[in-house]
C-alpha atoms as a PDB file:
ATOM      1  CA  TYR A   1     230.026-110.410 -56.799  1.00  0.00           C
ATOM      2  CA  ALA A   2     231.624-109.897 -60.400  1.00  0.00           C
ATOM      3  CA  GLN A   3     231.026-111.205 -63.750  1.00  0.00           C
ATOM      4  CA  ALA A   4     232.651-110.466 -67.012  1.00  0.00           C
ATOM      5  CA  MET A   5     233.451-111.919 -70.373  1.00  0.00           C
ATOM      6  CA  THR A   6     237.160-111.332 -70.163  1.00  0.00           C
ATOM      7  CA  PHE A   7     239.386-111.421 -67.248  1.00  0.00           C
ATOM      8  CA  GLU A   8     243.349-111.337 -67.558  1.00  0.00           C
ATOM      9  CA  GLY A   9     246.322-111.246 -65.777  1.00  0.00           C
ATOM     10  CA  ASP A  10     247.351-107.549 -66.090  1.00  0.00           C
ATOM     11  CA  ALA A  11     246.987-104.475 -63.882  1.00  0.00           C
ATOM     12  CA  ALA A  12     243.074-104.589 -64.023  1.00  0.00           C
ATOM     13  CA  GLY A  13     242.607-108.169 -63.325  1.00  0.00           C
ATOM     14  CA  GLN A  14     245.483-107.784 -60.342  1.00  0.00           C
ATOM     15  CA  HIS A  15     243.297-104.657 -59.052  1.00  0.00           C
ATOM     16  CA  LEU A  16     240.038-106.408 -59.307  1.00  0.00           C
ATOM     17  CA  ILE A  17     241.574-109.344 -57.095  1.00  0.00           C
ATOM     18  CA  GLU A  18     243.019-106.986 -54.801  1.00  0.00           C
ATOM     19  CA  ILE A  19     239.694-105.196 -54.327  1.00  0.00           C
ATOM     20  CA  MET A  20     237.786-108.280 -53.769  1.00  0.00           C
ATOM     21  CA  LYS A  21     240.618-109.601 -51.379  1.00  0.00           C
ATOM     22  CA  ALA A  22     240.148-106.686 -49.150  1.00  0.00           C
ATOM     23  CA  SER A  23     236.383-106.749 -49.238  1.00  0.00           C
ATOM     24  CA  PRO A  24     234.834-107.652 -46.057  1.00  0.00           C
ATOM     25  CA  ALA A  25     231.868-109.620 -48.034  1.00  0.00           C
ATOM     26  CA  GLU A  26     231.786-113.299 -46.736  1.00  0.00           C
ATOM     27  CA  ASP A  27     230.334-114.548 -50.099  1.00  0.00           C
ATOM     28  CA  LYS A  28     232.918-113.335 -52.847  1.00  0.00           C
ATOM     29  CA  ARG A  29     232.835-114.625 -56.293  1.00  0.00           C
ATOM     30  CA  LEU A  30     234.037-114.195 -59.598  1.00  0.00           C
ATOM     31  CA  LEU A  31     232.445-115.496 -62.682  1.00  0.00           C
ATOM     32  CA  ILE A  32     234.250-115.431 -65.959  1.00  0.00           C
ATOM     33  CA  ASP A  33     233.295-116.808 -69.279  1.00  0.00           C
ATOM     34  CA  SER A  34     235.444-119.460 -70.714  1.00  0.00           C
ATOM     35  CA  TYR A  35     236.214-117.419 -73.454  1.00  0.00           C
ATOM     36  CA  SER A  36     239.524-116.268 -71.244  1.00  0.00           C
ATOM     37  CA  LYS A  37     240.727-119.759 -71.455  1.00  0.00           C
ATOM     38  CA  LEU A  38     241.034-119.460 -74.929  1.00  0.00           C
ATOM     39  CA  VAL A  39     241.617-115.719 -75.604  1.00  0.00           C
ATOM     40  CA  ILE A  40     243.685-113.243 -73.666  1.00  0.00           C
ATOM     41  CA  ASN A  41     244.637-109.743 -75.115  1.00  0.00           C
ATOM     42  CA  ASP A  42     242.393-110.309 -78.190  1.00  0.00           C
ATOM     43  CA  HIS A  43     244.740-113.246 -79.337  1.00  0.00           C
ATOM     44  CA  PHE A  44     244.287-117.108 -79.177  1.00  0.00           C
ATOM     45  CA  ILE A  45     246.371-118.443 -76.808  1.00  0.00           C
ATOM     46  CA  PRO A  46     247.354-121.671 -78.645  1.00  0.00           C
ATOM     47  CA  SER A  47     249.095-119.660 -81.569  1.00  0.00           C
ATOM     48  CA  LEU A  48     252.081-118.808 -83.098  1.00  0.00           C
ATOM     49  CA  LYS A  49     252.035-115.300 -81.064  1.00  0.00           C
ATOM     50  CA  TYR A  50     251.979-117.603 -77.751  1.00  0.00           C
ATOM     51  CA  LEU A  51     255.267-119.108 -79.028  1.00  0.00           C
ATOM     52  CA  ARG A  52     257.156-116.072 -80.223  1.00  0.00           C
ATOM     53  CA  ASP A  53     255.755-113.280 -77.819  1.00  0.00           C
ATOM     54  CA  GLY A  54     257.243-113.572 -74.093  1.00  0.00           C
ATOM     55  CA  ASP A  55     255.050-110.895 -72.675  1.00  0.00           C
ATOM     56  CA  PHE A  56     251.969-112.831 -74.425  1.00  0.00           C
ATOM     57  CA  ARG A  57     253.029-115.985 -72.356  1.00  0.00           C
ATOM     58  CA  SER A  58     253.582-113.969 -68.915  1.00  0.00           C
ATOM     59  CA  GLU A  59     250.133-112.676 -69.606  1.00  0.00           C
ATOM     60  CA  VAL A  60     248.601-116.048 -69.896  1.00  0.00           C
ATOM     61  CA  LYS A  61     250.535-117.376 -67.253  1.00  0.00           C
ATOM     62  CA  ASN A  62     249.858-114.623 -64.816  1.00  0.00           C
ATOM     63  CA  THR A  63     245.903-114.915 -65.684  1.00  0.00           C
ATOM     64  CA  LYS A  64     246.290-118.595 -64.344  1.00  0.00           C
ATOM     65  CA  ARG A  65     247.953-117.391 -61.314  1.00  0.00           C
ATOM     66  CA  LEU A  66     245.410-114.533 -60.622  1.00  0.00           C
ATOM     67  CA  VAL A  67     243.004-116.858 -60.576  1.00  0.00           C
ATOM     68  CA  GLU A  68     244.312-119.236 -58.190  1.00  0.00           C
ATOM     69  CA  GLU A  69     245.358-116.402 -55.979  1.00  0.00           C
ATOM     70  CA  ALA A  70     242.070-115.504 -55.752  1.00  0.00           C
ATOM     71  CA  ARG A  71     240.919-118.986 -54.821  1.00  0.00           C
ATOM     72  CA  GLU A  72     243.425-119.384 -52.204  1.00  0.00           C
ATOM     73  CA  ASN A  73     241.931-115.949 -50.577  1.00  0.00           C
ATOM     74  CA  GLY A  74     238.502-116.771 -50.333  1.00  0.00           C
ATOM     75  CA  ILE A  75     237.050-115.816 -53.626  1.00  0.00           C
ATOM     76  CA  ALA A  76     235.239-118.609 -55.645  1.00  0.00           C
ATOM     77  CA  VAL A  77     235.795-118.522 -59.128  1.00  0.00           C
ATOM     78  CA  THR A  78     233.992-120.325 -61.847  1.00  0.00           C
ATOM     79  CA  PHE A  79     234.028-120.299 -65.731  1.00  0.00           C
ATOM     80  CA  THR A  80     230.792-119.987 -67.624  1.00  0.00           C
ATOM     81  CA  ASN A  81     229.829-121.662 -70.707  1.00  0.00           C
ATOM     82  CA  PRO A  82     232.358-124.260 -71.380  1.00  0.00           C
ATOM     83  CA  LEU A  83     234.213-124.168 -74.618  1.00  0.00           C
ATOM     84  CA  GLY A  84     233.406-127.751 -75.530  1.00  0.00           C
ATOM     85  CA  TRP A  85     235.102-130.071 -77.669  1.00  0.00           C
ATOM     86  CA  MET A  86     237.805-128.392 -79.967  1.00  0.00           C
ATOM     87  CA  ALA A  87     236.206-125.037 -78.871  1.00  0.00           C
ATOM     88  CA  LEU A  88     233.056-125.815 -81.014  1.00  0.00           C
ATOM     89  CA  LYS A  89     230.909-123.729 -78.475  1.00  0.00           C
ATOM     90  CA  TYR A  90     233.237-120.825 -79.041  1.00  0.00           C
ATOM     91  CA  PRO A  91     230.894-118.338 -80.286  1.00  0.00           C
ATOM     92  CA  LEU A  92     228.626-119.348 -77.312  1.00  0.00           C
ATOM     93  CA  ARG A  93     229.589-116.499 -75.298  1.00  0.00           C
ATOM     94  CA  ASN A  94     228.131-115.294 -71.889  1.00  0.00           C
ATOM     95  CA  HIS A  95     228.889-111.478 -72.825  1.00  0.00           C
ATOM     96  CA  LYS A  96     227.272-110.020 -69.520  1.00  0.00           C
ATOM     97  CA  LYS A  97     229.562-107.716 -67.287  1.00  0.00           C
ATOM     98  CA  MET A  98     228.246-106.881 -63.835  1.00  0.00           C
ATOM     99  CA  VAL A  99     229.629-106.087 -60.318  1.00  0.00           C
ATOM    100  CA  ILE A 100     227.272-106.285 -57.420  1.00  0.00           C
ATOM    101  CA  LEU A 101     228.381-104.794 -54.006  1.00  0.00           C
ATOM    102  CA  ASP A 102     225.478-105.677 -51.872  1.00  0.00           C
ATOM    103  CA  SER A 103     221.768-106.084 -52.314  1.00  0.00           C
ATOM    104  CA  GLU A 104     221.078-102.696 -53.205  1.00  0.00           C
ATOM    105  CA  VAL A 105     224.271-101.154 -55.339  1.00  0.00           C
ATOM    106  CA  SER A 106     225.287-102.664 -58.349  1.00  0.00           C
ATOM    107  CA  PHE A 107     227.196-101.779 -61.799  1.00  0.00           C
ATOM    108  CA  LEU A 108     226.047-103.058 -65.033  1.00  0.00           C
ATOM    109  CA  GLY A 109     227.642-102.265 -68.504  1.00  0.00           C
ATOM    110  CA  GLY A 110     230.470-103.427 -70.997  1.00  0.00           C
ATOM    111  CA  ILE A 111     233.489-103.426 -69.321  1.00  0.00           C
ATOM    112  CA  ASN A 112     235.898-106.469 -68.906  1.00  0.00           C
ATOM    113  CA  PHE A 113     238.404-106.520 -66.449  1.00  0.00           C
ATOM    114  CA  SER A 114     241.584-106.387 -68.826  1.00  0.00           C
ATOM    115  CA  ASP A 115     243.684-103.302 -69.555  1.00  0.00           C
ATOM    116  CA  HIS A 116     243.273-103.430 -73.231  1.00  0.00           C
ATOM    117  CA  ASN A 117     239.570-103.035 -72.867  1.00  0.00           C
ATOM    118  CA  PHE A 118     240.213 -99.674 -70.993  1.00  0.00           C
ATOM    119  CA  ALA A 119     241.100 -98.277 -74.533  1.00  0.00           C
ATOM    120  CA  TRP A 120     237.738 -98.716 -75.881  1.00  0.00           C
ATOM    121  CA  HIS A 121     234.878 -96.718 -75.530  1.00  0.00           C
ATOM    122  CA  ASP A 122     232.591 -98.161 -73.243  1.00  0.00           C
ATOM    123  CA  MET A 123     230.234 -97.576 -70.039  1.00  0.00           C
ATOM    124  CA  MET A 124     229.033 -99.154 -66.856  1.00  0.00           C
ATOM    125  CA  VAL A 125     226.192 -97.428 -65.049  1.00  0.00           C
ATOM    126  CA  GLN A 126     225.882 -97.643 -61.233  1.00  0.00           C
ATOM    127  CA  LEU A 127     222.321 -98.765 -59.927  1.00  0.00           C
ATOM    128  CA  SER A 128     221.238 -98.121 -56.436  1.00  0.00           C
ATOM    129  CA  ASP A 129     217.856 -99.968 -56.352  1.00  0.00           C
ATOM    130  CA  ARG A 130     217.051-103.100 -54.304  1.00  0.00           C
ATOM    131  CA  GLU A 131     214.751-104.433 -56.383  1.00  0.00           C
ATOM    132  CA  LEU A 132     217.340-104.383 -59.312  1.00  0.00           C
ATOM    133  CA  GLY A 133     219.995-105.472 -57.227  1.00  0.00           C
ATOM    134  CA  LYS A 134     217.835-108.703 -56.166  1.00  0.00           C
ATOM    135  CA  ALA A 135     217.184-109.351 -59.947  1.00  0.00           C
ATOM    136  CA  LEU A 136     220.894-109.302 -60.775  1.00  0.00           C
ATOM    137  CA  THR A 137     221.911-111.314 -57.841  1.00  0.00           C
ATOM    138  CA  GLU A 138     219.508-113.900 -58.804  1.00  0.00           C
ATOM    139  CA  ASP A 139     220.954-113.844 -62.503  1.00  0.00           C
ATOM    140  CA  PHE A 140     224.285-114.340 -61.249  1.00  0.00           C
ATOM    141  CA  GLU A 141     223.286-116.828 -59.021  1.00  0.00           C
ATOM    142  CA  CYS A 142     221.472-118.761 -61.861  1.00  0.00           C
ATOM    143  CA  THR A 143     224.528-118.307 -63.945  1.00  0.00           C
ATOM    144  CA  TRP A 144     226.977-119.506 -61.530  1.00  0.00           C
ATOM    145  CA  GLN A 145     225.023-122.771 -61.418  1.00  0.00           C
ATOM    146  CA  GLY A 146     225.318-123.130 -65.286  1.00  0.00           C
ATOM    147  CA  ILE A 147     221.774-121.463 -66.092  1.00  0.00           C
ATOM    148  CA  ASN A 148     221.459-119.047 -68.754  1.00  0.00           C
ATOM    149  CA  GLN A 149     218.146-116.970 -68.175  1.00  0.00           C
ATOM    150  CA  SER A 150     215.916-115.640 -70.963  1.00  0.00           C
ATOM    151  CA  ARG A 151     213.491-113.214 -69.373  1.00  0.00           C
ATOM    152  CA  ALA A 152     212.214-109.997 -68.633  1.00  0.00           C
ATOM    153  CA  ILE A 153     212.170-108.403 -65.224  1.00  0.00           C
ATOM    154  CA  ASN A 154     210.116-105.456 -64.565  1.00  0.00           C
ATOM    155  CA  THR A 155     211.053-103.115 -61.906  1.00  0.00           C
ATOM    156  CA  GLU A 156     210.112 -99.312 -60.898  1.00  0.00           C
ATOM    157  CA  LEU A 157     213.126 -98.258 -62.992  1.00  0.00           C
ATOM    158  CA  GLY A 158     212.562 -99.951 -66.264  1.00  0.00           C
ATOM    159  CA  THR A 159     212.565-103.403 -67.500  1.00  0.00           C
ATOM    160  CA  LEU A 160     215.500-105.792 -67.353  1.00  0.00           C
ATOM    161  CA  TYR A 161     216.047-107.784 -69.903  1.00  0.00           C
ATOM    162  CA  LEU A 162     218.173-111.214 -69.721  1.00  0.00           C
ATOM    163  CA  PHE A 163     218.952-112.787 -72.981  1.00  0.00           C
ATOM    164  CA  SER A 164     220.263-116.168 -73.594  1.00  0.00           C
ATOM    165  CA  GLY A 165     221.223-116.385 -77.284  1.00  0.00           C
ATOM    166  CA  ILE A 166     219.015-117.907 -79.656  1.00  0.00           C
ATOM    167  CA  LYS A 167     216.348-119.239 -76.702  1.00  0.00           C
ATOM    168  CA  SER A 168     215.591-115.570 -76.603  1.00  0.00           C
ATOM    169  CA  ARG A 169     213.937-115.031 -79.784  1.00  0.00           C
ATOM    170  CA  GLN A 170     210.115-114.132 -78.278  1.00  0.00           C
ATOM    171  CA  LEU A 171     212.037-111.911 -75.718  1.00  0.00           C
ATOM    172  CA  TYR A 172     214.195-109.948 -78.477  1.00  0.00           C
ATOM    173  CA  ASP A 173     210.883-109.391 -80.533  1.00  0.00           C
ATOM    174  CA  ASP A 174     209.092-107.916 -77.027  1.00  0.00           C
ATOM    175  CA  PHE A 175     212.464-105.612 -76.771  1.00  0.00           C
ATOM    176  CA  PHE A 176     212.578-104.186 -80.388  1.00  0.00           C
ATOM    177  CA  ASP A 177     208.864-103.735 -79.615  1.00  0.00           C
ATOM    178  CA  HIS A 178     209.478-101.480 -76.786  1.00  0.00           C
ATOM    179  CA  ILE A 179     212.091 -99.357 -78.687  1.00  0.00           C
ATOM    180  CA  ARG A 180     209.984 -98.944 -81.578  1.00  0.00           C
END
């Protein structure tokens, strides 16, 4: 499974799809925030840039093509957090980024699947823990079904916090109590 806020039709997006296509896993899924339906390469798609910049138009079209290629090759793709009418829900994004390889090995951090994000200072951490892998898989499954969780999961390695915007006020307080 792979989840990100941003997925784009550039080398990073293509590389991810190639890796997922080659994977022997039976259940391959890509979860993308609906942000990528409105913004590519940090630019709004409905803009003058789209009209004036052929490279930008190509990347937008290639993003759609890559999503279709994934689906045609057995990778289920869904978009989280619909933007709503007139993109009124644009600020309500699912900012999680993770890759779950199996029931034990996962990656969690800040990297999206887009070339320009690789110019940023960011990180991913590899986690090798069944309990944490199970928790991340459960969260992925919930998000896949359109359920944004707000809870803390205690493991031997520590606590995993799953925030869901303003619904998580008490959880944010608990988190900040831990870091005080």
